N, C-alpha and C. Protein backbone atom coordinates (compact mmCIF):
# COMPACT_ATOMS: atom_id res chain seq x y z
N UNK A 1 19.95 -1.66 28.14
CA UNK A 1 18.66 -1.06 28.39
C UNK A 1 18.01 -1.79 29.55
N UNK A 2 17.36 -1.05 30.37
CA UNK A 2 16.69 -1.66 31.51
C UNK A 2 15.48 -2.46 31.05
N UNK A 3 15.17 -3.50 31.80
CA UNK A 3 14.06 -4.38 31.44
C UNK A 3 12.73 -3.64 31.47
N UNK A 4 12.55 -2.79 32.46
CA UNK A 4 11.28 -2.06 32.58
C UNK A 4 11.07 -1.11 31.40
N UNK A 5 12.13 -0.41 30.99
CA UNK A 5 12.02 0.48 29.83
C UNK A 5 11.69 -0.30 28.58
N UNK A 6 12.30 -1.47 28.44
CA UNK A 6 12.05 -2.30 27.27
C UNK A 6 10.57 -2.66 27.18
N UNK A 7 9.97 -3.09 28.30
CA UNK A 7 8.56 -3.49 28.27
C UNK A 7 7.64 -2.30 28.06
N UNK A 8 8.01 -1.15 28.57
CA UNK A 8 7.21 0.06 28.31
C UNK A 8 7.23 0.38 26.81
N UNK A 9 8.41 0.35 26.20
CA UNK A 9 8.51 0.61 24.76
C UNK A 9 7.76 -0.46 23.97
N UNK A 10 7.85 -1.70 24.40
CA UNK A 10 7.17 -2.78 23.71
C UNK A 10 5.66 -2.60 23.73
N UNK A 11 5.10 -2.24 24.89
CA UNK A 11 3.66 -2.03 24.99
C UNK A 11 3.20 -0.81 24.21
N UNK A 12 4.00 0.24 24.17
CA UNK A 12 3.65 1.42 23.37
C UNK A 12 3.63 1.06 21.89
N UNK A 13 4.64 0.33 21.42
CA UNK A 13 4.67 -0.08 20.01
C UNK A 13 3.50 -1.00 19.68
N UNK A 14 3.19 -1.92 20.57
CA UNK A 14 2.06 -2.82 20.34
C UNK A 14 0.75 -2.05 20.30
N UNK A 15 0.60 -1.07 21.20
CA UNK A 15 -0.62 -0.26 21.21
C UNK A 15 -0.78 0.57 19.96
N UNK A 16 0.29 1.19 19.51
CA UNK A 16 0.22 2.00 18.28
C UNK A 16 -0.10 1.11 17.08
N UNK A 17 0.55 -0.04 17.00
CA UNK A 17 0.28 -0.96 15.89
C UNK A 17 -1.17 -1.43 15.92
N UNK A 18 -1.68 -1.73 17.09
CA UNK A 18 -3.07 -2.18 17.21
C UNK A 18 -4.02 -1.07 16.80
N UNK A 19 -3.76 0.16 17.25
CA UNK A 19 -4.64 1.27 16.90
C UNK A 19 -4.67 1.53 15.40
N UNK A 20 -3.54 1.43 14.76
CA UNK A 20 -3.48 1.65 13.31
C UNK A 20 -4.34 0.62 12.58
N UNK A 21 -4.36 -0.59 13.07
CA UNK A 21 -5.14 -1.64 12.41
C UNK A 21 -6.60 -1.61 12.84
N UNK A 22 -6.90 -1.12 14.02
CA UNK A 22 -8.26 -1.15 14.55
C UNK A 22 -9.10 0.03 14.10
N UNK A 23 -8.51 1.19 13.95
CA UNK A 23 -9.27 2.41 13.63
C UNK A 23 -10.08 2.29 12.33
N UNK A 24 -9.53 1.76 11.24
CA UNK A 24 -10.36 1.63 10.04
C UNK A 24 -11.58 0.74 10.23
N UNK A 25 -11.48 -0.30 11.05
CA UNK A 25 -12.63 -1.17 11.29
C UNK A 25 -13.71 -0.45 12.09
N UNK A 26 -13.31 0.43 12.98
CA UNK A 26 -14.28 1.16 13.79
C UNK A 26 -14.94 2.27 12.97
N UNK A 27 -14.15 2.97 12.17
CA UNK A 27 -14.68 4.10 11.42
C UNK A 27 -15.46 3.70 10.18
N UNK A 28 -15.10 2.61 9.56
CA UNK A 28 -15.73 2.17 8.31
C UNK A 28 -16.44 0.84 8.53
N UNK A 29 -17.62 0.89 9.06
CA UNK A 29 -18.33 -0.35 9.35
C UNK A 29 -19.00 -0.93 8.11
N UNK A 30 -19.50 -0.11 7.25
CA UNK A 30 -20.17 -0.59 6.04
C UNK A 30 -19.18 -0.74 4.89
N UNK A 31 -19.69 -1.24 3.78
CA UNK A 31 -18.86 -1.39 2.59
C UNK A 31 -18.64 -0.01 1.96
N UNK A 32 -17.41 0.24 1.52
CA UNK A 32 -17.10 1.50 0.87
C UNK A 32 -17.70 1.51 -0.53
N UNK A 33 -18.52 2.51 -0.80
CA UNK A 33 -19.18 2.61 -2.09
C UNK A 33 -18.40 3.46 -3.08
N UNK A 34 -17.58 4.37 -2.59
CA UNK A 34 -16.84 5.26 -3.46
C UNK A 34 -15.74 4.47 -4.19
N UNK A 35 -15.83 4.45 -5.50
CA UNK A 35 -14.88 3.67 -6.31
C UNK A 35 -13.47 4.23 -6.22
N UNK A 36 -13.33 5.54 -6.12
CA UNK A 36 -12.01 6.16 -6.02
C UNK A 36 -11.30 5.74 -4.74
N UNK A 37 -12.01 5.80 -3.63
CA UNK A 37 -11.40 5.42 -2.35
C UNK A 37 -11.07 3.93 -2.33
N UNK A 38 -11.94 3.11 -2.89
CA UNK A 38 -11.67 1.67 -2.93
C UNK A 38 -10.43 1.37 -3.77
N UNK A 39 -10.30 2.00 -4.92
CA UNK A 39 -9.12 1.75 -5.75
C UNK A 39 -7.87 2.33 -5.11
N UNK A 40 -8.00 3.47 -4.43
CA UNK A 40 -6.87 4.06 -3.73
C UNK A 40 -6.38 3.12 -2.63
N UNK A 41 -7.27 2.60 -1.83
CA UNK A 41 -6.89 1.69 -0.76
C UNK A 41 -6.36 0.36 -1.29
N UNK A 42 -6.79 -0.03 -2.47
CA UNK A 42 -6.30 -1.26 -3.06
C UNK A 42 -4.82 -1.16 -3.42
N UNK A 43 -4.40 0.01 -3.91
CA UNK A 43 -3.02 0.17 -4.37
C UNK A 43 -2.06 0.69 -3.30
N UNK A 44 -2.53 1.07 -2.15
CA UNK A 44 -1.66 1.59 -1.09
C UNK A 44 -0.58 0.59 -0.68
N UNK A 45 -0.89 -0.68 -0.43
CA UNK A 45 0.18 -1.60 -0.03
C UNK A 45 1.28 -1.73 -1.08
N UNK A 46 0.93 -1.75 -2.35
CA UNK A 46 1.93 -1.84 -3.41
C UNK A 46 2.79 -0.59 -3.47
N UNK A 47 2.18 0.56 -3.29
CA UNK A 47 2.93 1.82 -3.32
C UNK A 47 3.89 1.91 -2.14
N UNK A 48 3.44 1.50 -0.97
CA UNK A 48 4.30 1.55 0.21
C UNK A 48 5.45 0.57 0.07
N UNK A 49 5.15 -0.63 -0.41
CA UNK A 49 6.21 -1.62 -0.61
C UNK A 49 7.24 -1.13 -1.62
N UNK A 50 6.78 -0.54 -2.70
CA UNK A 50 7.70 0.01 -3.69
C UNK A 50 8.53 1.15 -3.15
N UNK A 51 7.90 2.02 -2.37
CA UNK A 51 8.63 3.16 -1.80
C UNK A 51 9.68 2.71 -0.78
N UNK A 52 9.43 1.60 -0.12
CA UNK A 52 10.39 1.11 0.87
C UNK A 52 11.53 0.32 0.22
N UNK A 53 11.24 -0.44 -0.82
CA UNK A 53 12.27 -1.33 -1.38
C UNK A 53 13.05 -0.71 -2.52
N UNK A 54 12.45 0.16 -3.31
CA UNK A 54 13.13 0.66 -4.49
C UNK A 54 14.41 1.43 -4.17
N UNK A 55 14.44 2.33 -3.19
CA UNK A 55 15.72 2.99 -2.87
C UNK A 55 16.78 2.02 -2.36
N UNK A 56 16.36 0.98 -1.67
CA UNK A 56 17.31 0.00 -1.13
C UNK A 56 17.97 -0.81 -2.24
N UNK A 57 17.32 -0.93 -3.37
CA UNK A 57 17.90 -1.68 -4.49
C UNK A 57 19.22 -1.04 -4.93
N UNK A 58 19.25 0.26 -5.00
CA UNK A 58 20.43 0.95 -5.50
C UNK A 58 21.55 1.04 -4.47
N UNK A 59 21.22 0.93 -3.20
CA UNK A 59 22.24 1.04 -2.17
C UNK A 59 22.64 -0.31 -1.59
N UNK A 60 22.07 -1.39 -2.08
CA UNK A 60 22.35 -2.71 -1.50
C UNK A 60 23.67 -3.29 -1.98
N UNK A 61 24.19 -2.81 -3.07
CA UNK A 61 25.46 -3.31 -3.59
C UNK A 61 26.56 -2.30 -3.31
N UNK A 62 27.75 -2.61 -3.77
CA UNK A 62 28.88 -1.72 -3.51
C UNK A 62 28.85 -0.44 -4.32
N UNK A 63 28.10 -0.43 -5.40
CA UNK A 63 28.08 0.78 -6.23
C UNK A 63 26.69 0.96 -6.83
N UNK A 64 26.45 2.18 -7.27
CA UNK A 64 25.18 2.50 -7.90
C UNK A 64 25.05 1.81 -9.26
N UNK A 65 26.18 1.58 -9.94
CA UNK A 65 26.15 0.98 -11.26
C UNK A 65 25.63 -0.46 -11.21
N UNK A 66 26.07 -1.24 -10.25
CA UNK A 66 25.62 -2.62 -10.17
C UNK A 66 24.16 -2.70 -9.75
N UNK A 67 23.72 -1.81 -8.87
CA UNK A 67 22.31 -1.77 -8.50
C UNK A 67 21.43 -1.39 -9.67
N UNK A 68 21.91 -0.44 -10.46
CA UNK A 68 21.15 -0.04 -11.65
C UNK A 68 21.10 -1.16 -12.68
N UNK A 69 22.22 -1.86 -12.89
CA UNK A 69 22.25 -2.97 -13.85
C UNK A 69 21.30 -4.07 -13.42
N UNK A 70 21.30 -4.41 -12.15
CA UNK A 70 20.37 -5.43 -11.65
C UNK A 70 18.93 -5.02 -11.81
N UNK A 71 18.63 -3.75 -11.56
CA UNK A 71 17.27 -3.25 -11.71
C UNK A 71 16.81 -3.29 -13.16
N UNK A 72 17.69 -2.87 -14.06
CA UNK A 72 17.33 -2.86 -15.48
C UNK A 72 17.08 -4.28 -15.97
N UNK A 73 17.94 -5.21 -15.61
CA UNK A 73 17.75 -6.60 -16.02
C UNK A 73 16.46 -7.16 -15.42
N UNK A 74 16.19 -6.86 -14.17
CA UNK A 74 14.96 -7.33 -13.54
C UNK A 74 13.72 -6.77 -14.23
N UNK A 75 13.75 -5.49 -14.57
CA UNK A 75 12.61 -4.89 -15.26
C UNK A 75 12.39 -5.50 -16.64
N UNK A 76 13.47 -5.75 -17.36
CA UNK A 76 13.35 -6.36 -18.69
C UNK A 76 12.78 -7.78 -18.58
N UNK A 77 13.30 -8.56 -17.65
CA UNK A 77 12.81 -9.93 -17.50
C UNK A 77 11.36 -9.96 -17.01
N UNK A 78 11.02 -9.06 -16.11
CA UNK A 78 9.64 -9.00 -15.63
C UNK A 78 8.69 -8.55 -16.75
N UNK A 79 9.14 -7.62 -17.58
CA UNK A 79 8.32 -7.17 -18.70
C UNK A 79 8.06 -8.30 -19.68
N UNK A 80 9.02 -9.19 -19.82
CA UNK A 80 8.87 -10.35 -20.71
C UNK A 80 8.14 -11.51 -20.03
N UNK A 81 7.58 -11.24 -18.87
CA UNK A 81 6.76 -12.19 -18.11
C UNK A 81 7.50 -13.45 -17.70
N UNK A 82 8.74 -13.28 -17.28
CA UNK A 82 9.51 -14.40 -16.74
C UNK A 82 9.08 -14.63 -15.29
N UNK A 83 9.40 -15.80 -14.77
CA UNK A 83 9.03 -16.13 -13.40
C UNK A 83 9.85 -15.36 -12.38
N UNK A 84 9.39 -15.39 -11.14
CA UNK A 84 10.06 -14.65 -10.08
C UNK A 84 11.49 -15.13 -9.88
N UNK A 85 11.70 -16.44 -9.93
CA UNK A 85 13.05 -16.97 -9.74
C UNK A 85 13.98 -16.51 -10.86
N UNK A 86 13.52 -16.54 -12.10
CA UNK A 86 14.34 -16.11 -13.22
C UNK A 86 14.68 -14.62 -13.11
N UNK A 87 13.73 -13.81 -12.69
CA UNK A 87 13.97 -12.37 -12.54
C UNK A 87 14.99 -12.12 -11.44
N UNK A 88 14.83 -12.81 -10.31
CA UNK A 88 15.75 -12.60 -9.19
C UNK A 88 17.16 -13.08 -9.54
N UNK A 89 17.27 -14.24 -10.18
CA UNK A 89 18.59 -14.75 -10.54
C UNK A 89 19.24 -13.86 -11.60
N UNK A 90 18.47 -13.41 -12.56
CA UNK A 90 19.00 -12.52 -13.59
C UNK A 90 19.50 -11.20 -13.01
N UNK A 91 18.74 -10.63 -12.10
CA UNK A 91 19.14 -9.36 -11.48
C UNK A 91 20.40 -9.55 -10.63
N UNK A 92 20.44 -10.65 -9.88
CA UNK A 92 21.64 -10.92 -9.06
C UNK A 92 22.86 -11.15 -9.93
N UNK A 93 22.68 -11.89 -11.02
CA UNK A 93 23.79 -12.16 -11.92
C UNK A 93 24.30 -10.88 -12.57
N UNK A 94 23.40 -10.01 -12.98
CA UNK A 94 23.80 -8.74 -13.59
C UNK A 94 24.56 -7.87 -12.59
N UNK A 95 24.05 -7.78 -11.38
CA UNK A 95 24.73 -6.98 -10.36
C UNK A 95 26.10 -7.58 -10.03
N UNK A 96 26.17 -8.90 -9.96
CA UNK A 96 27.45 -9.56 -9.68
C UNK A 96 28.47 -9.31 -10.78
N UNK A 97 28.03 -9.43 -12.04
CA UNK A 97 28.95 -9.21 -13.16
C UNK A 97 29.47 -7.78 -13.20
N UNK A 98 28.59 -6.83 -12.94
CA UNK A 98 29.02 -5.42 -12.95
C UNK A 98 30.02 -5.18 -11.80
N UNK A 99 29.74 -5.75 -10.63
CA UNK A 99 30.69 -5.61 -9.52
C UNK A 99 32.01 -6.28 -9.83
N UNK A 100 31.97 -7.44 -10.48
CA UNK A 100 33.18 -8.15 -10.84
C UNK A 100 33.99 -7.34 -11.85
N UNK A 101 33.33 -6.78 -12.84
CA UNK A 101 34.02 -5.93 -13.83
C UNK A 101 34.59 -4.68 -13.17
N UNK A 102 33.87 -4.13 -12.22
CA UNK A 102 34.32 -2.92 -11.54
C UNK A 102 35.59 -3.21 -10.74
N UNK A 103 35.66 -4.37 -10.12
CA UNK A 103 36.83 -4.72 -9.32
C UNK A 103 38.02 -5.05 -10.21
N UNK A 104 37.75 -5.74 -11.32
CA UNK A 104 38.84 -6.15 -12.21
C UNK A 104 39.42 -4.99 -13.00
N UNK A 105 38.57 -4.02 -13.32
CA UNK A 105 39.04 -2.88 -14.12
C UNK A 105 39.37 -1.77 -13.23
């Protein structure tokens, strides 16, 4: 890629990113009083993060079965209020065991 094209694309991406972050500050100068909008905006980052990562969980391993096993174990451990490290290690171990069984059988 040419250097000039790269910098043009870089400045366009930087401008779009800046506008996305700047527009809410310009349009909403006062505190939002509407409880629905405030709660909606509070949960948007969690919803976007979930929408981006959840499909990748099932496709990150060699098969759908190991991704599903890791997800189920992670959900069970998280429901039982285990720590982040325990949940991550448990999910990885479950996915690894399912992949190992899949290869051996």
